[in-house]
C-alpha atoms as a PDB file:
ATOM      1  CA  MET A   1      39.409  51.284   0.905  1.00  0.00           C
ATOM      2  CA  PRO A   2      38.316  54.558   2.539  1.00  0.00           C
ATOM      3  CA  PRO A   3      38.294  54.777   6.339  1.00  0.00           C
ATOM      4  CA  ASP A   4      35.095  53.829   8.149  1.00  0.00           C
ATOM      5  CA  PRO A   5      33.361  57.092   9.180  1.00  0.00           C
ATOM      6  CA  ASP A   6      31.868  55.412  12.262  1.00  0.00           C
ATOM      7  CA  GLN A   7      35.292  54.623  13.654  1.00  0.00           C
ATOM      8  CA  SER A   8      37.637  57.331  14.822  1.00  0.00           C
ATOM      9  CA  GLN A   9      41.277  57.018  13.891  1.00  0.00           C
ATOM     10  CA  SER A  10      43.708  55.940  16.580  1.00  0.00           C
ATOM     11  CA  ALA A  11      47.458  55.524  16.660  1.00  0.00           C
ATOM     12  CA  THR A  12      47.032  51.795  17.220  1.00  0.00           C
ATOM     13  CA  PRO A  13      44.744  50.313  14.567  1.00  0.00           C
ATOM     14  CA  ASP A  14      43.545  47.445  16.805  1.00  0.00           C
ATOM     15  CA  VAL A  15      42.407  49.704  19.638  1.00  0.00           C
ATOM     16  CA  PRO A  16      39.060  51.363  18.900  1.00  0.00           C
ATOM     17  CA  VAL A  17      38.523  54.853  20.220  1.00  0.00           C
ATOM     18  CA  PRO A  18      34.940  55.690  21.114  1.00  0.00           C
ATOM     19  CA  LEU A  19      33.401  58.525  19.176  1.00  0.00           C
ATOM     20  CA  ARG A  20      31.479  59.913  22.145  1.00  0.00           C
ATOM     21  CA  PRO A  21      32.316  59.661  25.798  1.00  0.00           C
ATOM     22  CA  GLN A  22      29.849  57.624  27.797  1.00  0.00           C
ATOM     23  CA  SER A  23      27.953  59.961  30.069  1.00  0.00           C
ATOM     24  CA  SER A  24      24.874  59.848  32.218  1.00  0.00           C
ATOM     25  CA  ARG A  25      24.430  63.599  32.323  1.00  0.00           C
ATOM     26  CA  PHE A  26      21.143  63.362  30.411  1.00  0.00           C
ATOM     27  CA  PHE A  27      19.528  60.993  32.879  1.00  0.00           C
ATOM     28  CA  ARG A  28      18.003  62.329  36.063  1.00  0.00           C
ATOM     29  CA  LYS A  29      17.466  60.279  39.134  1.00  0.00           C
ATOM     30  CA  SER A  30      13.876  59.982  40.240  1.00  0.00           C
ATOM     31  CA  ARG A  31      12.984  62.259  43.128  1.00  0.00           C
ATOM     32  CA  SER A  32      11.209  59.475  44.925  1.00  0.00           C
ATOM     33  CA  ALA A  33       9.980  56.033  44.101  1.00  0.00           C
ATOM     34  CA  PHE A  34       6.356  55.753  42.994  1.00  0.00           C
ATOM     35  CA  ALA A  35       4.608  53.524  45.540  1.00  0.00           C
ATOM     36  CA  LEU A  36       3.424  50.206  44.127  1.00  0.00           C
ATOM     37  CA  ASP A  37      -0.145  50.725  45.365  1.00  0.00           C
ATOM     38  CA  ASP A  38      -0.248  54.202  43.794  1.00  0.00           C
ATOM     39  CA  ALA A  39       1.026  52.843  40.483  1.00  0.00           C
ATOM     40  CA  ARG A  40      -1.527  50.030  40.546  1.00  0.00           C
ATOM     41  CA  ARG A  41      -4.402  52.445  41.219  1.00  0.00           C
ATOM     42  CA  GLN A  42      -3.195  54.735  38.428  1.00  0.00           C
ATOM     43  CA  GLY A  43      -3.080  51.866  35.938  1.00  0.00           C
ATOM     44  CA  ASP A  44      -6.426  50.459  37.034  1.00  0.00           C
ATOM     45  CA  ILE A  45      -8.266  53.784  36.853  1.00  0.00           C
ATOM     46  CA  SER A  46      -6.749  54.500  33.440  1.00  0.00           C
ATOM     47  CA  GLN A  47      -7.864  51.138  32.102  1.00  0.00           C
ATOM     48  CA  LEU A  48     -11.364  51.564  33.536  1.00  0.00           C
ATOM     49  CA  ALA A  49     -11.659  55.019  31.956  1.00  0.00           C
ATOM     50  CA  PHE A  50     -10.427  53.824  28.550  1.00  0.00           C
ATOM     51  CA  LEU A  51     -12.944  50.979  28.512  1.00  0.00           C
ATOM     52  CA  ALA A  52     -15.934  52.829  29.940  1.00  0.00           C
ATOM     53  CA  MET A  53     -15.505  56.134  28.120  1.00  0.00           C
ATOM     54  CA  GLY A  54     -15.075  54.812  24.626  1.00  0.00           C
ATOM     55  CA  GLY A  55     -11.366  55.156  24.057  1.00  0.00           C
ATOM     56  CA  ARG A  56      -8.186  57.033  24.715  1.00  0.00           C
ATOM     57  CA  ASP A  57      -9.140  60.633  23.957  1.00  0.00           C
ATOM     58  CA  PRO A  58     -12.243  60.943  26.145  1.00  0.00           C
ATOM     59  CA  ALA A  59     -10.546  59.016  28.955  1.00  0.00           C
ATOM     60  CA  LEU A  60      -7.444  61.218  28.930  1.00  0.00           C
ATOM     61  CA  ALA A  61      -9.545  64.362  28.765  1.00  0.00           C
ATOM     62  CA  PHE A  62     -11.542  63.248  31.816  1.00  0.00           C
ATOM     63  CA  LEU A  63      -8.561  61.983  33.827  1.00  0.00           C
ATOM     64  CA  ASN A  64      -6.400  65.082  33.265  1.00  0.00           C
ATOM     65  CA  THR A  65      -8.987  67.867  33.638  1.00  0.00           C
ATOM     66  CA  ASP A  66      -9.735  69.398  37.037  1.00  0.00           C
ATOM     67  CA  ASN A  67     -13.058  68.185  38.385  1.00  0.00           C
ATOM     68  CA  ALA A  68     -14.585  70.251  41.214  1.00  0.00           C
ATOM     69  CA  ALA A  69     -16.908  67.431  42.295  1.00  0.00           C
ATOM     70  CA  LEU A  70     -13.926  65.095  42.794  1.00  0.00           C
ATOM     71  CA  GLY A  71     -11.644  67.730  44.301  1.00  0.00           C
ATOM     72  CA  GLY A  72      -8.958  67.842  41.606  1.00  0.00           C
ATOM     73  CA  ARG A  73      -7.687  65.991  38.583  1.00  0.00           C
ATOM     74  CA  PRO A  74      -9.347  62.551  38.630  1.00  0.00           C
ATOM     75  CA  LEU A  75      -6.055  60.778  37.907  1.00  0.00           C
ATOM     76  CA  THR A  76      -4.396  62.446  40.900  1.00  0.00           C
ATOM     77  CA  VAL A  77      -7.386  61.814  43.174  1.00  0.00           C
ATOM     78  CA  ALA A  78      -7.605  58.138  42.187  1.00  0.00           C
ATOM     79  CA  THR A  79      -3.874  57.582  42.598  1.00  0.00           C
ATOM     80  CA  ALA A  80      -3.639  59.212  46.035  1.00  0.00           C
ATOM     81  CA  SER A  81      -5.788  56.785  48.064  1.00  0.00           C
ATOM     82  CA  PRO A  82      -8.141  53.820  47.855  1.00  0.00           C
ATOM     83  CA  GLU A  83     -11.044  56.121  48.791  1.00  0.00           C
ATOM     84  CA  GLY A  84     -10.129  58.529  45.989  1.00  0.00           C
ATOM     85  CA  TYR A  85      -9.933  55.615  43.570  1.00  0.00           C
ATOM     86  CA  GLU A  86     -13.469  54.531  44.510  1.00  0.00           C
ATOM     87  CA  ARG A  87     -14.849  58.072  44.060  1.00  0.00           C
ATOM     88  CA  VAL A  88     -13.286  58.415  40.598  1.00  0.00           C
ATOM     89  CA  ALA A  89     -14.299  54.876  39.581  1.00  0.00           C
ATOM     90  CA  ALA A  90     -17.902  55.654  40.549  1.00  0.00           C
ATOM     91  CA  ALA A  91     -17.809  58.827  38.420  1.00  0.00           C
ATOM     92  CA  ILE A  92     -16.464  56.838  35.460  1.00  0.00           C
ATOM     93  CA  ARG A  93     -19.153  54.187  35.855  1.00  0.00           C
ATOM     94  CA  ARG A  94     -21.812  56.918  35.739  1.00  0.00           C
ATOM     95  CA  TRP A  95     -20.345  58.183  32.450  1.00  0.00           C
ATOM     96  CA  PRO A  96     -23.009  58.069  29.701  1.00  0.00           C
ATOM     97  CA  SER A  97     -22.346  55.353  27.164  1.00  0.00           C
ATOM     98  CA  GLY A  98     -23.967  54.135  24.023  1.00  0.00           C
ATOM     99  CA  PRO A  99     -23.831  54.882  20.303  1.00  0.00           C
ATOM    100  CA  GLY A 100     -24.530  58.597  20.690  1.00  0.00           C
ATOM    101  CA  PHE A 101     -21.887  59.238  23.341  1.00  0.00           C
ATOM    102  CA  LYS A 102     -18.671  57.772  21.908  1.00  0.00           C
END
């Protein structure tokens, strides 16, 4: 029987030798923890946009494009504070909807 290509050969047949060393060099530690309230506002505003704007593409376009009236990217504004969330939510609720707008 040919040797198993997934197993490297070792001097002792019962002792497996790992093929690759275990390393965490590809994983970066987060700079800072994302505050729970910020994460909640980000999720809530994203869900509201997806539902009110007719799907993923229009919602992402709105949330990630600078908006002078809101003072920045809506996703960033909504995540930063409860007041910012309310301003962005109001803008989303004013978004035109209906068969001709989706």
